[in-house]
Amino acid sequence: MTDAPVVIAGGGPIGMTLALDLAGHGVRSIVLERNATTTRHPKMDLTNGRSMELFRRMGVVDRLRRAGVPEDHCFDIVWAARGPSVGRELHRFRYPSPLEAREMARRRNDGTYTREPPMRVSQIVIEPVLEAAIDENPLAEARFGWTSKASRRIATG
């Protein structure tokens, strides 16, 4: 058994981010995840600017950006017709690409925008990047395939 003052239940993006943040403050933690691996199902699509600022502080923002949708791609959401009119656009919600958002923040420079723009990335992609960062950090550990019985063994030593 490994000794750690913090045990985190759940190895999704939040649990792994918490472990990395605690490590940045010198606190050792263990993440326990019931699934055997990082997620295999599409979840989560967008990481907001405030979360990206946190990832910058933890030193993983560049790795995450390389794994996500390229920064020059817009975040537009399109409603399109189905059936005989396949491909006919009904409406488009326009959202800037991260590069455009970064430039808008630079020009305005009044604190309206976050320092880091949002990032489009699936949870399937982000989790392995966070897991790799945990594997490299001596103060954080992620254990996959843990059940509540195994978790109780850690809590009681």
C-alpha atoms as a PDB file:
ATOM      1  CA  MET A   1       0.000   0.000   0.000  1.00  0.00           C
ATOM      2  CA  THR A   2       1.111   3.551  -0.702  1.00  0.00           C
ATOM      3  CA  ASP A   3       0.599   6.264   1.879  1.00  0.00           C
ATOM      4  CA  ALA A   4      -1.111   9.490   0.789  1.00  0.00           C
ATOM      5  CA  PRO A   5      -3.043  12.112   2.765  1.00  0.00           C
ATOM      6  CA  VAL A   6      -5.617  12.481  -0.042  1.00  0.00           C
ATOM      7  CA  VAL A   7      -7.527   9.748  -1.842  1.00  0.00           C
ATOM      8  CA  ILE A   8      -9.563  10.920  -4.834  1.00  0.00           C
ATOM      9  CA  ALA A   9     -12.571   8.850  -5.901  1.00  0.00           C
ATOM     10  CA  GLY A  10     -12.846   8.944  -9.690  1.00  0.00           C
ATOM     11  CA  GLY A  11     -10.214   9.066 -12.403  1.00  0.00           C
ATOM     12  CA  GLY A  12     -12.012  11.271 -14.896  1.00  0.00           C
ATOM     13  CA  PRO A  13     -10.769  14.721 -15.907  1.00  0.00           C
ATOM     14  CA  ILE A  14     -11.807  16.289 -12.582  1.00  0.00           C
ATOM     15  CA  GLY A  15     -10.159  13.659 -10.377  1.00  0.00           C
ATOM     16  CA  MET A  16      -6.930  13.644 -12.366  1.00  0.00           C
ATOM     17  CA  THR A  17      -6.851  17.453 -12.528  1.00  0.00           C
ATOM     18  CA  LEU A  18      -7.306  17.604  -8.748  1.00  0.00           C
ATOM     19  CA  ALA A  19      -4.387  15.197  -8.254  1.00  0.00           C
ATOM     20  CA  LEU A  20      -2.140  17.333 -10.468  1.00  0.00           C
ATOM     21  CA  ASP A  21      -3.223  20.531  -8.724  1.00  0.00           C
ATOM     22  CA  LEU A  22      -2.568  19.037  -5.285  1.00  0.00           C
ATOM     23  CA  ALA A  23       0.856  17.851  -6.471  1.00  0.00           C
ATOM     24  CA  GLY A  24       1.604  21.426  -7.536  1.00  0.00           C
ATOM     25  CA  HIS A  25       0.988  22.433  -3.915  1.00  0.00           C
ATOM     26  CA  GLY A  26       3.228  19.642  -2.596  1.00  0.00           C
ATOM     27  CA  VAL A  27       0.367  17.344  -1.536  1.00  0.00           C
ATOM     28  CA  ARG A  28       0.560  13.650  -2.378  1.00  0.00           C
ATOM     29  CA  SER A  29      -2.629  11.966  -3.603  1.00  0.00           C
ATOM     30  CA  ILE A  30      -3.911   8.725  -5.061  1.00  0.00           C
ATOM     31  CA  VAL A  31      -6.687   8.665  -7.673  1.00  0.00           C
ATOM     32  CA  LEU A  32      -8.847   5.551  -7.581  1.00  0.00           C
ATOM     33  CA  GLU A  33     -10.925   4.737 -10.669  1.00  0.00           C
ATOM     34  CA  ARG A  34     -13.275   1.751 -10.897  1.00  0.00           C
ATOM     35  CA  ASN A  35     -12.841   1.364 -14.672  1.00  0.00           C
ATOM     36  CA  ALA A  36      -9.793  -0.536 -15.886  1.00  0.00           C
ATOM     37  CA  THR A  37      -8.662   2.257 -18.224  1.00  0.00           C
ATOM     38  CA  THR A  38      -9.396   5.826 -19.122  1.00  0.00           C
ATOM     39  CA  THR A  39     -12.805   6.291 -20.739  1.00  0.00           C
ATOM     40  CA  ARG A  40     -13.577   4.676 -24.081  1.00  0.00           C
ATOM     41  CA  HIS A  41     -16.899   6.474 -24.590  1.00  0.00           C
ATOM     42  CA  PRO A  42     -17.344   9.959 -26.049  1.00  0.00           C
ATOM     43  CA  LYS A  43     -18.028  12.434 -23.287  1.00  0.00           C
ATOM     44  CA  MET A  44     -17.156  16.066 -22.765  1.00  0.00           C
ATOM     45  CA  ASP A  45     -16.500  18.168 -25.811  1.00  0.00           C
ATOM     46  CA  LEU A  46     -15.247  21.556 -24.628  1.00  0.00           C
ATOM     47  CA  THR A  47     -12.818  22.649 -21.952  1.00  0.00           C
ATOM     48  CA  ASN A  48     -13.475  26.249 -20.960  1.00  0.00           C
ATOM     49  CA  GLY A  49     -10.917  29.026 -20.690  1.00  0.00           C
ATOM     50  CA  ARG A  50     -10.782  29.008 -16.886  1.00  0.00           C
ATOM     51  CA  SER A  51      -9.946  25.281 -16.887  1.00  0.00           C
ATOM     52  CA  MET A  52      -7.306  25.912 -19.541  1.00  0.00           C
ATOM     53  CA  GLU A  53      -5.756  28.573 -17.262  1.00  0.00           C
ATOM     54  CA  LEU A  54      -5.566  25.950 -14.515  1.00  0.00           C
ATOM     55  CA  PHE A  55      -3.916  23.512 -16.939  1.00  0.00           C
ATOM     56  CA  ARG A  56      -1.388  26.229 -17.855  1.00  0.00           C
ATOM     57  CA  ARG A  57      -0.522  26.691 -14.180  1.00  0.00           C
ATOM     58  CA  MET A  58      -0.025  22.911 -13.889  1.00  0.00           C
ATOM     59  CA  GLY A  59       2.240  22.878 -16.954  1.00  0.00           C
ATOM     60  CA  VAL A  60       0.103  20.608 -19.153  1.00  0.00           C
ATOM     61  CA  VAL A  61      -1.698  23.108 -21.390  1.00  0.00           C
ATOM     62  CA  ASP A  62       0.618  22.644 -24.389  1.00  0.00           C
ATOM     63  CA  ARG A  63       0.262  18.848 -24.278  1.00  0.00           C
ATOM     64  CA  LEU A  64      -3.513  19.166 -24.090  1.00  0.00           C
ATOM     65  CA  ARG A  65      -3.631  21.631 -26.988  1.00  0.00           C
ATOM     66  CA  ARG A  66      -1.575  19.249 -29.133  1.00  0.00           C
ATOM     67  CA  ALA A  67      -4.099  16.485 -28.371  1.00  0.00           C
ATOM     68  CA  GLY A  68      -7.195  18.624 -28.979  1.00  0.00           C
ATOM     69  CA  VAL A  69      -8.767  20.100 -32.095  1.00  0.00           C
ATOM     70  CA  PRO A  70      -6.223  22.378 -33.826  1.00  0.00           C
ATOM     71  CA  GLU A  71      -6.283  25.951 -32.551  1.00  0.00           C
ATOM     72  CA  ASP A  72      -7.105  27.448 -35.936  1.00  0.00           C
ATOM     73  CA  HIS A  73     -10.411  25.518 -36.194  1.00  0.00           C
ATOM     74  CA  CYS A  74     -13.533  27.476 -35.291  1.00  0.00           C
ATOM     75  CA  PHE A  75     -15.970  26.266 -32.643  1.00  0.00           C
ATOM     76  CA  ASP A  76     -19.068  26.903 -34.771  1.00  0.00           C
ATOM     77  CA  ILE A  77     -22.153  24.826 -34.056  1.00  0.00           C
ATOM     78  CA  VAL A  78     -24.261  24.074 -37.135  1.00  0.00           C
ATOM     79  CA  TRP A  79     -27.870  22.960 -37.360  1.00  0.00           C
ATOM     80  CA  ALA A  80     -28.444  21.182 -40.665  1.00  0.00           C
ATOM     81  CA  ALA A  81     -31.463  19.616 -42.354  1.00  0.00           C
ATOM     82  CA  ARG A  82     -31.883  15.868 -42.592  1.00  0.00           C
ATOM     83  CA  GLY A  83     -33.577  13.728 -45.195  1.00  0.00           C
ATOM     84  CA  PRO A  84     -33.978  14.961 -48.787  1.00  0.00           C
ATOM     85  CA  SER A  85     -32.298  18.263 -47.853  1.00  0.00           C
ATOM     86  CA  VAL A  86     -29.179  16.691 -46.378  1.00  0.00           C
ATOM     87  CA  GLY A  87     -26.435  19.232 -45.990  1.00  0.00           C
ATOM     88  CA  ARG A  88     -28.706  22.293 -46.032  1.00  0.00           C
ATOM     89  CA  GLU A  89     -27.585  24.551 -43.209  1.00  0.00           C
ATOM     90  CA  LEU A  90     -30.470  25.841 -41.091  1.00  0.00           C
ATOM     91  CA  HIS A  91     -28.501  27.952 -38.650  1.00  0.00           C
ATOM     92  CA  ARG A  92     -24.917  28.508 -37.538  1.00  0.00           C
ATOM     93  CA  PHE A  93     -23.816  29.654 -34.100  1.00  0.00           C
ATOM     94  CA  ARG A  94     -20.467  31.328 -34.700  1.00  0.00           C
ATOM     95  CA  TYR A  95     -17.727  30.936 -32.131  1.00  0.00           C
ATOM     96  CA  PRO A  96     -14.099  31.974 -32.642  1.00  0.00           C
ATOM     97  CA  SER A  97     -11.220  29.550 -32.899  1.00  0.00           C
ATOM     98  CA  PRO A  98      -8.774  29.558 -29.987  1.00  0.00           C
ATOM     99  CA  LEU A  99      -6.348  31.587 -32.113  1.00  0.00           C
ATOM    100  CA  GLU A 100      -9.047  34.169 -32.846  1.00  0.00           C
ATOM    101  CA  ALA A 101     -10.122  34.270 -29.180  1.00  0.00           C
ATOM    102  CA  ARG A 102      -6.513  34.770 -28.086  1.00  0.00           C
ATOM    103  CA  GLU A 103      -6.151  37.675 -30.528  1.00  0.00           C
ATOM    104  CA  MET A 104      -9.452  39.211 -29.343  1.00  0.00           C
ATOM    105  CA  ALA A 105      -8.201  39.035 -25.735  1.00  0.00           C
ATOM    106  CA  ARG A 106      -4.869  40.592 -26.717  1.00  0.00           C
ATOM    107  CA  ARG A 107      -6.583  43.484 -28.510  1.00  0.00           C
ATOM    108  CA  ARG A 108      -9.122  44.163 -25.769  1.00  0.00           C
ATOM    109  CA  ASN A 109      -6.695  43.539 -22.872  1.00  0.00           C
ATOM    110  CA  ASP A 110      -9.182  44.508 -20.133  1.00  0.00           C
ATOM    111  CA  GLY A 111      -9.727  41.179 -18.369  1.00  0.00           C
ATOM    112  CA  THR A 112     -12.940  40.399 -20.264  1.00  0.00           C
ATOM    113  CA  TYR A 113     -11.426  37.292 -21.840  1.00  0.00           C
ATOM    114  CA  THR A 114      -9.513  34.479 -20.182  1.00  0.00           C
ATOM    115  CA  ARG A 115      -5.776  34.283 -20.745  1.00  0.00           C
ATOM    116  CA  GLU A 116      -6.272  30.843 -22.252  1.00  0.00           C
ATOM    117  CA  PRO A 117      -9.062  30.336 -24.773  1.00  0.00           C
ATOM    118  CA  PRO A 118     -11.305  27.270 -24.580  1.00  0.00           C
ATOM    119  CA  MET A 119     -10.253  24.025 -26.222  1.00  0.00           C
ATOM    120  CA  ARG A 120     -12.380  21.501 -28.084  1.00  0.00           C
ATOM    121  CA  VAL A 121     -11.333  17.990 -27.114  1.00  0.00           C
ATOM    122  CA  SER A 122     -13.144  14.766 -26.276  1.00  0.00           C
ATOM    123  CA  GLN A 123     -12.758  13.176 -22.871  1.00  0.00           C
ATOM    124  CA  ILE A 124     -11.433  10.102 -24.700  1.00  0.00           C
ATOM    125  CA  VAL A 125      -8.444  12.221 -25.743  1.00  0.00           C
ATOM    126  CA  ILE A 126      -7.906  14.389 -22.658  1.00  0.00           C
ATOM    127  CA  GLU A 127      -7.838  11.602 -20.053  1.00  0.00           C
ATOM    128  CA  PRO A 128      -4.724   9.782 -21.385  1.00  0.00           C
ATOM    129  CA  VAL A 129      -2.839  13.101 -21.467  1.00  0.00           C
ATOM    130  CA  LEU A 130      -3.747  13.780 -17.831  1.00  0.00           C
ATOM    131  CA  GLU A 131      -2.907  10.195 -16.868  1.00  0.00           C
ATOM    132  CA  ALA A 132       0.546  10.551 -18.469  1.00  0.00           C
ATOM    133  CA  ALA A 133       1.147  13.767 -16.512  1.00  0.00           C
ATOM    134  CA  ILE A 134       0.192  11.951 -13.289  1.00  0.00           C
ATOM    135  CA  ASP A 135       2.530   9.053 -14.162  1.00  0.00           C
ATOM    136  CA  GLU A 136       5.397  11.568 -14.442  1.00  0.00           C
ATOM    137  CA  ASN A 137       4.614  13.270 -11.133  1.00  0.00           C
ATOM    138  CA  PRO A 138       6.079  11.690  -7.964  1.00  0.00           C
ATOM    139  CA  LEU A 139       3.323  13.226  -5.798  1.00  0.00           C
ATOM    140  CA  ALA A 140       0.369  11.847  -7.777  1.00  0.00           C
ATOM    141  CA  GLU A 141      -0.697   8.328  -8.560  1.00  0.00           C
ATOM    142  CA  ALA A 142      -3.637   6.957 -10.566  1.00  0.00           C
ATOM    143  CA  ARG A 143      -4.926   3.444  -9.998  1.00  0.00           C
ATOM    144  CA  PHE A 144      -7.446   2.084 -12.453  1.00  0.00           C
ATOM    145  CA  GLY A 145      -9.641  -0.966 -11.878  1.00  0.00           C
ATOM    146  CA  TRP A 146     -10.274  -0.258  -8.185  1.00  0.00           C
ATOM    147  CA  THR A 147     -13.543  -1.209  -6.517  1.00  0.00           C
ATOM    148  CA  SER A 148     -14.971   0.072  -3.259  1.00  0.00           C
ATOM    149  CA  LYS A 149     -13.483  -2.964  -1.428  1.00  0.00           C
ATOM    150  CA  ALA A 150     -10.003  -2.105  -2.688  1.00  0.00           C
ATOM    151  CA  SER A 151     -10.610   1.549  -1.777  1.00  0.00           C
ATOM    152  CA  ARG A 152     -11.451   0.590   1.817  1.00  0.00           C
ATOM    153  CA  ARG A 153      -8.103  -1.245   2.067  1.00  0.00           C
ATOM    154  CA  ILE A 154      -6.302   1.979   1.161  1.00  0.00           C
ATOM    155  CA  ALA A 155      -8.330   4.033   3.650  1.00  0.00           C
ATOM    156  CA  THR A 156      -7.639   1.629   6.517  1.00  0.00           C
ATOM    157  CA  GLY A 157      -4.019   0.878   5.589  1.00  0.00           C
END
